[in-house]
PDB file of N, CA and C in Angstrom:
ATOM      1  N   MET A   1      76.638 -42.178   9.421  1.00  0.00           N
ATOM      2  CA  MET A   1      75.688 -41.199   9.900  1.00  0.00           C
ATOM      3  C   MET A   1      76.399 -40.073  10.652  1.00  0.00           C
ATOM      4  N   ILE A   2      77.361 -40.425  11.501  1.00  0.00           N
ATOM      5  CA  ILE A   2      78.094 -39.417  12.277  1.00  0.00           C
ATOM      6  C   ILE A   2      78.917 -38.539  11.342  1.00  0.00           C
ATOM      7  N   LYS A   3      79.503 -39.129  10.304  1.00  0.00           N
ATOM      8  CA  LYS A   3      80.285 -38.344   9.353  1.00  0.00           C
ATOM      9  C   LYS A   3      79.407 -37.325   8.638  1.00  0.00           C
ATOM     10  N   LYS A   4      78.191 -37.720   8.255  1.00  0.00           N
ATOM     11  CA  LYS A   4      77.281 -36.794   7.594  1.00  0.00           C
ATOM     12  C   LYS A   4      76.877 -35.661   8.533  1.00  0.00           C
ATOM     13  N   ALA A   5      76.632 -35.990   9.784  1.00  0.00           N
ATOM     14  CA  ALA A   5      76.250 -34.971  10.768  1.00  0.00           C
ATOM     15  C   ALA A   5      77.391 -33.995  10.990  1.00  0.00           C
ATOM     16  N   LEU A   6      78.617 -34.505  11.090  1.00  0.00           N
ATOM     17  CA  LEU A   6      79.779 -33.632  11.270  1.00  0.00           C
ATOM     18  C   LEU A   6      80.005 -32.752  10.045  1.00  0.00           C
ATOM     19  N   ALA A   7      79.816 -33.307   8.859  1.00  0.00           N
ATOM     20  CA  ALA A   7      79.978 -32.522   7.642  1.00  0.00           C
ATOM     21  C   ALA A   7      78.925 -31.417   7.568  1.00  0.00           C
ATOM     22  N   LEU A   8      77.680 -31.743   7.915  1.00  0.00           N
ATOM     23  CA  LEU A   8      76.619 -30.744   7.925  1.00  0.00           C
ATOM     24  C   LEU A   8      76.924 -29.652   8.946  1.00  0.00           C
ATOM     25  N   PHE A   9      77.390 -30.031  10.129  1.00  0.00           N
ATOM     26  CA  PHE A   9      77.747 -29.057  11.157  1.00  0.00           C
ATOM     27  C   PHE A   9      78.862 -28.131  10.664  1.00  0.00           C
ATOM     28  N   ALA A  10      79.867 -28.709  10.005  1.00  0.00           N
ATOM     29  CA  ALA A  10      80.984 -27.899   9.497  1.00  0.00           C
ATOM     30  C   ALA A  10      80.501 -26.892   8.466  1.00  0.00           C
ATOM     31  N   VAL A  11      79.624 -27.305   7.574  1.00  0.00           N
ATOM     32  CA  VAL A  11      79.095 -26.394   6.553  1.00  0.00           C
ATOM     33  C   VAL A  11      78.278 -25.290   7.215  1.00  0.00           C
ATOM     34  N   LEU A  12      77.406 -25.645   8.140  1.00  0.00           N
ATOM     35  CA  LEU A  12      76.606 -24.638   8.836  1.00  0.00           C
ATOM     36  C   LEU A  12      77.483 -23.670   9.616  1.00  0.00           C
ATOM     37  N   PHE A  13      78.526 -24.166  10.244  1.00  0.00           N
ATOM     38  CA  PHE A  13      79.439 -23.308  10.999  1.00  0.00           C
ATOM     39  C   PHE A  13      80.147 -22.320  10.078  1.00  0.00           C
ATOM     40  N   LEU A  14      80.603 -22.794   8.937  1.00  0.00           N
ATOM     41  CA  LEU A  14      81.309 -21.915   8.008  1.00  0.00           C
ATOM     42  C   LEU A  14      80.407 -20.814   7.481  1.00  0.00           C
ATOM     43  N   PHE A  15      79.153 -21.117   7.196  1.00  0.00           N
ATOM     44  CA  PHE A  15      78.252 -20.124   6.628  1.00  0.00           C
ATOM     45  C   PHE A  15      77.563 -19.255   7.661  1.00  0.00           C
ATOM     46  N   SER A  16      77.533 -19.665   8.904  1.00  0.00           N
ATOM     47  CA  SER A  16      76.859 -18.848   9.914  1.00  0.00           C
ATOM     48  C   SER A  16      77.823 -17.985  10.707  1.00  0.00           C
ATOM     49  N   GLY A  17      79.101 -18.320  10.749  1.00  0.00           N
ATOM     50  CA  GLY A  17      80.066 -17.564  11.554  1.00  0.00           C
ATOM     51  C   GLY A  17      80.177 -16.096  11.188  1.00  0.00           C
ATOM     52  N   PRO A  18      80.562 -15.739   9.988  1.00  0.00           N
ATOM     53  CA  PRO A  18      80.718 -14.334   9.621  1.00  0.00           C
ATOM     54  C   PRO A  18      79.409 -13.552   9.671  1.00  0.00           C
ATOM     55  N   ALA A  19      78.317 -14.168   9.282  1.00  0.00           N
ATOM     56  CA  ALA A  19      77.047 -13.446   9.291  1.00  0.00           C
ATOM     57  C   ALA A  19      76.634 -13.098  10.711  1.00  0.00           C
ATOM     58  N   ALA A  20      76.886 -14.002  11.632  1.00  0.00           N
ATOM     59  CA  ALA A  20      76.506 -13.749  13.011  1.00  0.00           C
ATOM     60  C   ALA A  20      77.399 -12.681  13.633  1.00  0.00           C
ATOM     61  N   ALA A  21      78.666 -12.658  13.220  1.00  0.00           N
ATOM     62  CA  ALA A  21      79.613 -11.715  13.802  1.00  0.00           C
ATOM     63  C   ALA A  21      79.466 -10.319  13.216  1.00  0.00           C
ATOM     64  N   GLY A  22      78.923 -10.208  12.013  1.00  0.00           N
ATOM     65  CA  GLY A  22      78.816  -8.906  11.363  1.00  0.00           C
ATOM     66  C   GLY A  22      80.028  -8.636  10.494  1.00  0.00           C
ATOM     67  N   PHE A  23      79.991  -7.507   9.799  1.00  0.00           N
ATOM     68  CA  PHE A  23      81.074  -7.152   8.886  1.00  0.00           C
ATOM     69  C   PHE A  23      82.121  -6.322   9.603  1.00  0.00           C
ATOM     70  N   ASP A  24      83.356  -6.746   9.515  1.00  0.00           N
ATOM     71  CA  ASP A  24      84.505  -5.980   9.992  1.00  0.00           C
ATOM     72  C   ASP A  24      85.454  -5.840   8.818  1.00  0.00           C
ATOM     73  N   GLY A  25      85.725  -4.612   8.428  1.00  0.00           N
ATOM     74  CA  GLY A  25      86.611  -4.379   7.301  1.00  0.00           C
ATOM     75  C   GLY A  25      86.836  -2.895   7.114  1.00  0.00           C
ATOM     76  N   TYR A  26      87.066  -2.506   5.876  1.00  0.00           N
ATOM     77  CA  TYR A  26      87.315  -1.099   5.570  1.00  0.00           C
ATOM     78  C   TYR A  26      86.926  -0.820   4.130  1.00  0.00           C
ATOM     79  N   VAL A  27      86.845   0.456   3.824  1.00  0.00           N
ATOM     80  CA  VAL A  27      86.674   0.893   2.450  1.00  0.00           C
ATOM     81  C   VAL A  27      87.682   2.010   2.216  1.00  0.00           C
ATOM     82  N   GLU A  28      88.303   1.996   1.058  1.00  0.00           N
ATOM     83  CA  GLU A  28      89.189   3.088   0.677  1.00  0.00           C
ATOM     84  C   GLU A  28      88.428   4.011  -0.254  1.00  0.00           C
ATOM     85  N   VAL A  29      88.447   5.298   0.066  1.00  0.00           N
ATOM     86  CA  VAL A  29      87.743   6.313  -0.725  1.00  0.00           C
ATOM     87  C   VAL A  29      88.791   7.232  -1.343  1.00  0.00           C
ATOM     88  N   THR A  30      88.768   7.317  -2.670  1.00  0.00           N
ATOM     89  CA  THR A  30      89.713   8.166  -3.404  1.00  0.00           C
ATOM     90  C   THR A  30      88.960   9.367  -3.971  1.00  0.00           C
ATOM     91  N   ASN A  31      89.565  10.526  -3.828  1.00  0.00           N
ATOM     92  CA  ASN A  31      88.983  11.774  -4.327  1.00  0.00           C
ATOM     93  C   ASN A  31      89.648  12.151  -5.649  1.00  0.00           C
ATOM     94  N   ASN A  32      88.906  11.974  -6.748  1.00  0.00           N
ATOM     95  CA  ASN A  32      89.371  12.404  -8.067  1.00  0.00           C
ATOM     96  C   ASN A  32      88.375  13.395  -8.669  1.00  0.00           C
ATOM     97  N   THR A  33      87.854  14.285  -7.835  1.00  0.00           N
ATOM     98  CA  THR A  33      86.832  15.239  -8.276  1.00  0.00           C
ATOM     99  C   THR A  33      87.416  16.538  -8.813  1.00  0.00           C
ATOM    100  N   GLY A  34      88.656  16.815  -8.467  1.00  0.00           N
ATOM    101  CA  GLY A  34      89.240  18.111  -8.814  1.00  0.00           C
ATOM    102  C   GLY A  34      89.065  19.128  -7.697  1.00  0.00           C
ATOM    103  N   TYR A  35      88.386  18.740  -6.624  1.00  0.00           N
ATOM    104  CA  TYR A  35      88.134  19.617  -5.473  1.00  0.00           C
ATOM    105  C   TYR A  35      88.480  18.872  -4.188  1.00  0.00           C
ATOM    106  N   ASP A  36      88.783  19.622  -3.135  1.00  0.00           N
ATOM    107  CA  ASP A  36      89.009  18.999  -1.835  1.00  0.00           C
ATOM    108  C   ASP A  36      87.670  18.584  -1.227  1.00  0.00           C
ATOM    109  N   ILE A  37      87.655  17.437  -0.570  1.00  0.00           N
ATOM    110  CA  ILE A  37      86.455  16.961   0.112  1.00  0.00           C
ATOM    111  C   ILE A  37      86.583  17.302   1.594  1.00  0.00           C
ATOM    112  N   TYR A  38      85.565  17.972   2.115  1.00  0.00           N
ATOM    113  CA  TYR A  38      85.568  18.419   3.502  1.00  0.00           C
ATOM    114  C   TYR A  38      84.748  17.516   4.419  1.00  0.00           C
ATOM    115  N   TYR A  39      83.787  16.798   3.856  1.00  0.00           N
ATOM    116  CA  TYR A  39      82.936  15.919   4.661  1.00  0.00           C
ATOM    117  C   TYR A  39      82.786  14.584   3.947  1.00  0.00           C
ATOM    118  N   LEU A  40      82.844  13.505   4.722  1.00  0.00           N
ATOM    119  CA  LEU A  40      82.691  12.164   4.166  1.00  0.00           C
ATOM    120  C   LEU A  40      81.820  11.348   5.122  1.00  0.00           C
ATOM    121  N   TYR A  41      80.719  10.845   4.589  1.00  0.00           N
ATOM    122  CA  TYR A  41      79.760  10.090   5.388  1.00  0.00           C
ATOM    123  C   TYR A  41      79.673   8.669   4.853  1.00  0.00           C
ATOM    124  N   VAL A  42      79.775   7.699   5.755  1.00  0.00           N
ATOM    125  CA  VAL A  42      79.664   6.291   5.402  1.00  0.00           C
ATOM    126  C   VAL A  42      78.599   5.696   6.317  1.00  0.00           C
ATOM    127  N   SER A  43      77.471   5.317   5.723  1.00  0.00           N
ATOM    128  CA  SER A  43      76.353   4.787   6.496  1.00  0.00           C
ATOM    129  C   SER A  43      75.915   3.448   5.934  1.00  0.00           C
ATOM    130  N   HIS A  44      75.509   2.565   6.822  1.00  0.00           N
ATOM    131  CA  HIS A  44      74.980   1.285   6.373  1.00  0.00           C
ATOM    132  C   HIS A  44      73.804   1.541   5.440  1.00  0.00           C
ATOM    133  N   ALA A  45      73.683   0.766   4.403  1.00  0.00           N
ATOM    134  CA  ALA A  45      72.666   1.009   3.378  1.00  0.00           C
ATOM    135  C   ALA A  45      71.241   1.019   3.940  1.00  0.00           C
ATOM    136  N   LYS A  46      70.998   0.357   5.033  1.00  0.00           N
ATOM    137  CA  LYS A  46      69.656   0.312   5.620  1.00  0.00           C
ATOM    138  C   LYS A  46      69.401   1.478   6.575  1.00  0.00           C
ATOM    139  N   SER A  47      70.403   2.305   6.813  1.00  0.00           N
ATOM    140  CA  SER A  47      70.265   3.435   7.735  1.00  0.00           C
ATOM    141  C   SER A  47      69.360   4.505   7.132  1.00  0.00           C
ATOM    142  N   LYS A  48      68.586   5.148   7.961  1.00  0.00           N
ATOM    143  CA  LYS A  48      67.683   6.204   7.497  1.00  0.00           C
ATOM    144  C   LYS A  48      68.340   7.583   7.514  1.00  0.00           C
ATOM    145  N   SER A  49      69.559   7.673   8.038  1.00  0.00           N
ATOM    146  CA  SER A  49      70.258   8.956   8.077  1.00  0.00           C
ATOM    147  C   SER A  49      71.756   8.714   7.899  1.00  0.00           C
ATOM    148  N   TRP A  50      72.462   9.802   7.579  1.00  0.00           N
ATOM    149  CA  TRP A  50      73.910   9.710   7.438  1.00  0.00           C
ATOM    150  C   TRP A  50      74.548   9.671   8.816  1.00  0.00           C
ATOM    151  N   GLU A  51      75.613   8.893   8.940  1.00  0.00           N
ATOM    152  CA  GLU A  51      76.383   8.844  10.187  1.00  0.00           C
ATOM    153  C   GLU A  51      77.234  10.111  10.277  1.00  0.00           C
ATOM    154  N   GLU A  52      78.058  10.175  11.322  1.00  0.00           N
ATOM    155  CA  GLU A  52      78.924  11.338  11.518  1.00  0.00           C
ATOM    156  C   GLU A  52      79.991  11.411  10.420  1.00  0.00           C
ATOM    157  N   ASP A  53      80.498  12.607  10.207  1.00  0.00           N
ATOM    158  CA  ASP A  53      81.569  12.848   9.242  1.00  0.00           C
ATOM    159  C   ASP A  53      82.815  12.084   9.681  1.00  0.00           C
ATOM    160  N   VAL A  54      83.285  11.152   8.856  1.00  0.00           N
ATOM    161  CA  VAL A  54      84.451  10.348   9.232  1.00  0.00           C
ATOM    162  C   VAL A  54      85.765  11.103   9.080  1.00  0.00           C
ATOM    163  N   LEU A  55      85.749  12.236   8.369  1.00  0.00           N
ATOM    164  CA  LEU A  55      86.971  13.033   8.240  1.00  0.00           C
ATOM    165  C   LEU A  55      87.226  13.896   9.468  1.00  0.00           C
ATOM    166  N   ASP A  56      86.183  14.149  10.250  1.00  0.00           N
ATOM    167  CA  ASP A  56      86.271  14.996  11.440  1.00  0.00           C
ATOM    168  C   ASP A  56      86.820  16.366  11.032  1.00  0.00           C
ATOM    169  N   ASP A  57      87.989  16.759  11.502  1.00  0.00           N
ATOM    170  CA  ASP A  57      88.570  18.064  11.168  1.00  0.00           C
ATOM    171  C   ASP A  57      89.507  18.009   9.961  1.00  0.00           C
ATOM    172  N   ASP A  58      89.708  16.819   9.406  1.00  0.00           N
ATOM    173  CA  ASP A  58      90.606  16.657   8.266  1.00  0.00           C
ATOM    174  C   ASP A  58      89.871  16.941   6.960  1.00  0.00           C
ATOM    175  N   ILE A  59      90.629  17.041   5.888  1.00  0.00           N
ATOM    176  CA  ILE A  59      90.056  17.127   4.551  1.00  0.00           C
ATOM    177  C   ILE A  59      90.687  16.019   3.712  1.00  0.00           C
ATOM    178  N   LEU A  60      90.016  15.671   2.630  1.00  0.00           N
ATOM    179  CA  LEU A  60      90.545  14.693   1.682  1.00  0.00           C
ATOM    180  C   LEU A  60      90.886  15.448   0.404  1.00  0.00           C
ATOM    181  N   PRO A  61      92.166  15.791   0.226  1.00  0.00           N
ATOM    182  CA  PRO A  61      92.560  16.574  -0.955  1.00  0.00           C
ATOM    183  C   PRO A  61      92.327  15.793  -2.248  1.00  0.00           C
ATOM    184  N   ASP A  62      92.140  16.528  -3.334  1.00  0.00           N
ATOM    185  CA  ASP A  62      91.998  15.908  -4.636  1.00  0.00           C
ATOM    186  C   ASP A  62      93.220  15.031  -4.916  1.00  0.00           C
ATOM    187  N   GLY A  63      92.974  13.832  -5.426  1.00  0.00           N
ATOM    188  CA  GLY A  63      94.058  12.916  -5.761  1.00  0.00           C
ATOM    189  C   GLY A  63      94.510  12.047  -4.605  1.00  0.00           C
ATOM    190  N   HIS A  64      93.920  12.187  -3.440  1.00  0.00           N
ATOM    191  CA  HIS A  64      94.311  11.407  -2.271  1.00  0.00           C
ATOM    192  C   HIS A  64      93.251  10.366  -1.910  1.00  0.00           C
ATOM    193  N   THR A  65      93.672   9.399  -1.093  1.00  0.00           N
ATOM    194  CA  THR A  65      92.814   8.303  -0.654  1.00  0.00           C
ATOM    195  C   THR A  65      92.820   8.231   0.862  1.00  0.00           C
ATOM    196  N   VAL A  66      91.653   7.896   1.429  1.00  0.00           N
ATOM    197  CA  VAL A  66      91.523   7.688   2.865  1.00  0.00           C
ATOM    198  C   VAL A  66      90.929   6.304   3.085  1.00  0.00           C
ATOM    199  N   ARG A  67      91.390   5.618   4.125  1.00  0.00           N
ATOM    200  CA  ARG A  67      90.835   4.319   4.511  1.00  0.00           C
ATOM    201  C   ARG A  67      89.888   4.543   5.677  1.00  0.00           C
ATOM    202  N   VAL A  68      88.662   4.050   5.526  1.00  0.00           N
ATOM    203  CA  VAL A  68      87.654   4.161   6.579  1.00  0.00           C
ATOM    204  C   VAL A  68      87.417   2.759   7.136  1.00  0.00           C
ATOM    205  N   ASN A  69      87.747   2.575   8.411  1.00  0.00           N
ATOM    206  CA  ASN A  69      87.538   1.287   9.067  1.00  0.00           C
ATOM    207  C   ASN A  69      86.080   1.148   9.477  1.00  0.00           C
ATOM    208  N   LEU A  70      85.533  -0.041   9.241  1.00  0.00           N
ATOM    209  CA  LEU A  70      84.141  -0.323   9.545  1.00  0.00           C
ATOM    210  C   LEU A  70      84.085  -1.595  10.381  1.00  0.00           C
ATOM    211  N   SER A  71      83.290  -1.591  11.431  1.00  0.00           N
ATOM    212  CA  SER A  71      83.187  -2.799  12.242  1.00  0.00           C
ATOM    213  C   SER A  71      81.793  -2.939  12.828  1.00  0.00           C
ATOM    214  N   GLY A  72      81.391  -4.185  12.974  1.00  0.00           N
ATOM    215  CA  GLY A  72      80.128  -4.498  13.618  1.00  0.00           C
ATOM    216  C   GLY A  72      78.890  -4.226  12.794  1.00  0.00           C
ATOM    217  N   ALA A  73      79.042  -3.969  11.504  1.00  0.00           N
ATOM    218  CA  ALA A  73      77.871  -3.717  10.651  1.00  0.00           C
ATOM    219  C   ALA A  73      77.177  -5.042  10.329  1.00  0.00           C
ATOM    220  N   LYS A  74      75.900  -4.966  10.050  1.00  0.00           N
ATOM    221  CA  LYS A  74      75.137  -6.173   9.740  1.00  0.00           C
ATOM    222  C   LYS A  74      75.552  -6.788   8.409  1.00  0.00           C
ATOM    223  N   SER A  75      76.024  -5.952   7.488  1.00  0.00           N
ATOM    224  CA  SER A  75      76.492  -6.444   6.198  1.00  0.00           C
ATOM    225  C   SER A  75      77.554  -5.485   5.674  1.00  0.00           C
ATOM    226  N   SER A  76      78.064  -5.789   4.498  1.00  0.00           N
ATOM    227  CA  SER A  76      79.112  -4.947   3.907  1.00  0.00           C
ATOM    228  C   SER A  76      78.547  -3.983   2.867  1.00  0.00           C
ATOM    229  N   ILE A  77      77.250  -3.766   2.866  1.00  0.00           N
ATOM    230  CA  ILE A  77      76.609  -2.874   1.901  1.00  0.00           C
ATOM    231  C   ILE A  77      76.409  -1.497   2.538  1.00  0.00           C
ATOM    232  N   PHE A  78      77.028  -0.472   1.935  1.00  0.00           N
ATOM    233  CA  PHE A  78      77.002   0.875   2.499  1.00  0.00           C
ATOM    234  C   PHE A  78      76.631   1.913   1.449  1.00  0.00           C
ATOM    235  N   ASP A  79      76.155   3.060   1.934  1.00  0.00           N
ATOM    236  CA  ASP A  79      75.995   4.264   1.127  1.00  0.00           C
ATOM    237  C   ASP A  79      77.108   5.218   1.553  1.00  0.00           C
ATOM    238  N   ILE A  80      77.722   5.900   0.585  1.00  0.00           N
ATOM    239  CA  ILE A  80      78.845   6.786   0.894  1.00  0.00           C
ATOM    240  C   ILE A  80      78.614   8.123   0.190  1.00  0.00           C
ATOM    241  N   ARG A  81      78.743   9.192   0.972  1.00  0.00           N
ATOM    242  CA  ARG A  81      78.544  10.541   0.436  1.00  0.00           C
ATOM    243  C   ARG A  81      79.731  11.429   0.806  1.00  0.00           C
ATOM    244  N   ALA A  82      80.199  12.192  -0.166  1.00  0.00           N
ATOM    245  CA  ALA A  82      81.254  13.175   0.053  1.00  0.00           C
ATOM    246  C   ALA A  82      80.693  14.562  -0.262  1.00  0.00           C
ATOM    247  N   LYS A  83      81.222  15.555   0.436  1.00  0.00           N
ATOM    248  CA  LYS A  83      80.818  16.945   0.191  1.00  0.00           C
ATOM    249  C   LYS A  83      82.089  17.761   0.017  1.00  0.00           C
ATOM    250  N   ASP A  84      82.182  18.468  -1.116  1.00  0.00           N
ATOM    251  CA  ASP A  84      83.417  19.196  -1.416  1.00  0.00           C
ATOM    252  C   ASP A  84      83.405  20.619  -0.885  1.00  0.00           C
ATOM    253  N   GLU A  85      84.474  21.336  -1.191  1.00  0.00           N
ATOM    254  CA  GLU A  85      84.677  22.699  -0.688  1.00  0.00           C
ATOM    255  C   GLU A  85      83.610  23.677  -1.157  1.00  0.00           C
ATOM    256  N   ASP A  86      82.930  23.374  -2.282  1.00  0.00           N
ATOM    257  CA  ASP A  86      81.873  24.246  -2.796  1.00  0.00           C
ATOM    258  C   ASP A  86      80.486  23.827  -2.315  1.00  0.00           C
ATOM    259  N   GLY A  87      80.420  22.750  -1.527  1.00  0.00           N
ATOM    260  CA  GLY A  87      79.140  22.250  -1.040  1.00  0.00           C
ATOM    261  C   GLY A  87      78.481  21.244  -1.964  1.00  0.00           C
ATOM    262  N   ASP A  88      79.142  20.879  -3.071  1.00  0.00           N
ATOM    263  CA  ASP A  88      78.608  19.859  -3.968  1.00  0.00           C
ATOM    264  C   ASP A  88      78.741  18.488  -3.316  1.00  0.00           C
ATOM    265  N   THR A  89      77.753  17.622  -3.544  1.00  0.00           N
ATOM    266  CA  THR A  89      77.805  16.282  -2.966  1.00  0.00           C
ATOM    267  C   THR A  89      77.973  15.233  -4.054  1.00  0.00           C
ATOM    268  N   TYR A  90      78.585  14.141  -3.669  1.00  0.00           N
ATOM    269  CA  TYR A  90      78.854  12.988  -4.524  1.00  0.00           C
ATOM    270  C   TYR A  90      78.415  11.772  -3.726  1.00  0.00           C
ATOM    271  N   THR A  91      77.566  10.932  -4.309  1.00  0.00           N
ATOM    272  CA  THR A  91      77.024   9.820  -3.551  1.00  0.00           C
ATOM    273  C   THR A  91      77.072   8.526  -4.354  1.00  0.00           C
ATOM    274  N   VAL A  92      77.474   7.456  -3.683  1.00  0.00           N
ATOM    275  CA  VAL A  92      77.329   6.107  -4.230  1.00  0.00           C
ATOM    276  C   VAL A  92      76.405   5.354  -3.287  1.00  0.00           C
ATOM    277  N   TRP A  93      75.466   4.636  -3.855  1.00  0.00           N
ATOM    278  CA  TRP A  93      74.449   3.932  -3.089  1.00  0.00           C
ATOM    279  C   TRP A  93      74.692   2.428  -3.144  1.00  0.00           C
ATOM    280  N   GLU A  94      74.497   1.792  -2.005  1.00  0.00           N
ATOM    281  CA  GLU A  94      74.509   0.330  -1.885  1.00  0.00           C
ATOM    282  C   GLU A  94      75.734  -0.311  -2.526  1.00  0.00           C
ATOM    283  N   ILE A  95      76.898   0.152  -2.116  1.00  0.00           N
ATOM    284  CA  ILE A  95      78.148  -0.436  -2.599  1.00  0.00           C
ATOM    285  C   ILE A  95      78.587  -1.520  -1.615  1.00  0.00           C
ATOM    286  N   ASP A  96      79.047  -2.632  -2.144  1.00  0.00           N
ATOM    287  CA  ASP A  96      79.557  -3.719  -1.315  1.00  0.00           C
ATOM    288  C   ASP A  96      81.040  -3.446  -1.062  1.00  0.00           C
ATOM    289  N   VAL A  97      81.332  -2.889   0.109  1.00  0.00           N
ATOM    290  CA  VAL A  97      82.706  -2.480   0.410  1.00  0.00           C
ATOM    291  C   VAL A  97      83.627  -3.666   0.670  1.00  0.00           C
ATOM    292  N   ALA A  98      83.066  -4.857   0.798  1.00  0.00           N
ATOM    293  CA  ALA A  98      83.906  -6.049   0.917  1.00  0.00           C
ATOM    294  C   ALA A  98      84.536  -6.389  -0.431  1.00  0.00           C
ATOM    295  N   ARG A  99      83.934  -5.890  -1.515  1.00  0.00           N
ATOM    296  CA  ARG A  99      84.439  -6.183  -2.855  1.00  0.00           C
ATOM    297  C   ARG A  99      84.990  -4.973  -3.579  1.00  0.00           C
ATOM    298  N   ASP A 100      84.458  -3.778  -3.271  1.00  0.00           N
ATOM    299  CA  ASP A 100      84.810  -2.591  -4.044  1.00  0.00           C
ATOM    300  C   ASP A 100      85.200  -1.421  -3.153  1.00  0.00           C
ATOM    301  N   ASP A 101      86.128  -0.631  -3.635  1.00  0.00           N
ATOM    302  CA  ASP A 101      86.448   0.650  -3.019  1.00  0.00           C
ATOM    303  C   ASP A 101      85.742   1.739  -3.823  1.00  0.00           C
ATOM    304  N   VAL A 102      85.846   2.982  -3.366  1.00  0.00           N
ATOM    305  CA  VAL A 102      85.135   4.083  -4.007  1.00  0.00           C
ATOM    306  C   VAL A 102      86.136   5.087  -4.572  1.00  0.00           C
ATOM    307  N   VAL A 103      85.910   5.495  -5.814  1.00  0.00           N
ATOM    308  CA  VAL A 103      86.665   6.586  -6.430  1.00  0.00           C
ATOM    309  C   VAL A 103      85.639   7.611  -6.873  1.00  0.00           C
ATOM    310  N   PHE A 104      85.609   8.750  -6.177  1.00  0.00           N
ATOM    311  CA  PHE A 104      84.685   9.825  -6.547  1.00  0.00           C
ATOM    312  C   PHE A 104      85.275  10.647  -7.668  1.00  0.00           C
ATOM    313  N   THR A 105      84.461  10.873  -8.715  1.00  0.00           N
ATOM    314  CA  THR A 105      84.824  11.746  -9.826  1.00  0.00           C
ATOM    315  C   THR A 105      83.663  12.715 -10.029  1.00  0.00           C
ATOM    316  N   LEU A 106      83.819  13.646 -10.934  1.00  0.00           N
ATOM    317  CA  LEU A 106      82.730  14.589 -11.230  1.00  0.00           C
ATOM    318  C   LEU A 106      81.478  13.873 -11.741  1.00  0.00           C
ATOM    319  N   ASP A 107      81.631  12.698 -12.302  1.00  0.00           N
ATOM    320  CA  ASP A 107      80.481  11.915 -12.779  1.00  0.00           C
ATOM    321  C   ASP A 107      79.577  11.474 -11.640  1.00  0.00           C
ATOM    322  N   ASP A 108      80.091  11.459 -10.406  1.00  0.00           N
ATOM    323  CA  ASP A 108      79.313  11.019  -9.246  1.00  0.00           C
ATOM    324  C   ASP A 108      78.576  12.180  -8.558  1.00  0.00           C
ATOM    325  N   MET A 109      78.714  13.402  -9.098  1.00  0.00           N
ATOM    326  CA  MET A 109      78.069  14.540  -8.465  1.00  0.00           C
ATOM    327  C   MET A 109      76.557  14.371  -8.488  1.00  0.00           C
ATOM    328  N   ASP A 110      75.921  14.686  -7.353  1.00  0.00           N
ATOM    329  CA  ASP A 110      74.453  14.584  -7.251  1.00  0.00           C
ATOM    330  C   ASP A 110      73.780  15.697  -8.021  1.00  0.00           C
TER     331      ASP A 110
END
């Protein structure tokens, strides 16, 4: 009986630990649009608005990749939007950044 209780506790601990702590990780965003990206927004998929520009004063040149660190999110599902030098936007919705990174191309233009 004690062995079964300990085994059940171990299983519950393994499955409840990360969910309770939230998602800590990163996403790599690659710009293959042919244009420089001036703004990059990464917001939790349940958010009603875009978060602040993660590039700040930097730009993401065509052909380059940036790593965006994420911590304390409820899950690893995010919406990601980029805005290029011409004001065109590129958006991916509900991407699981724990499994996938983002490569923006002209096919992703809104």
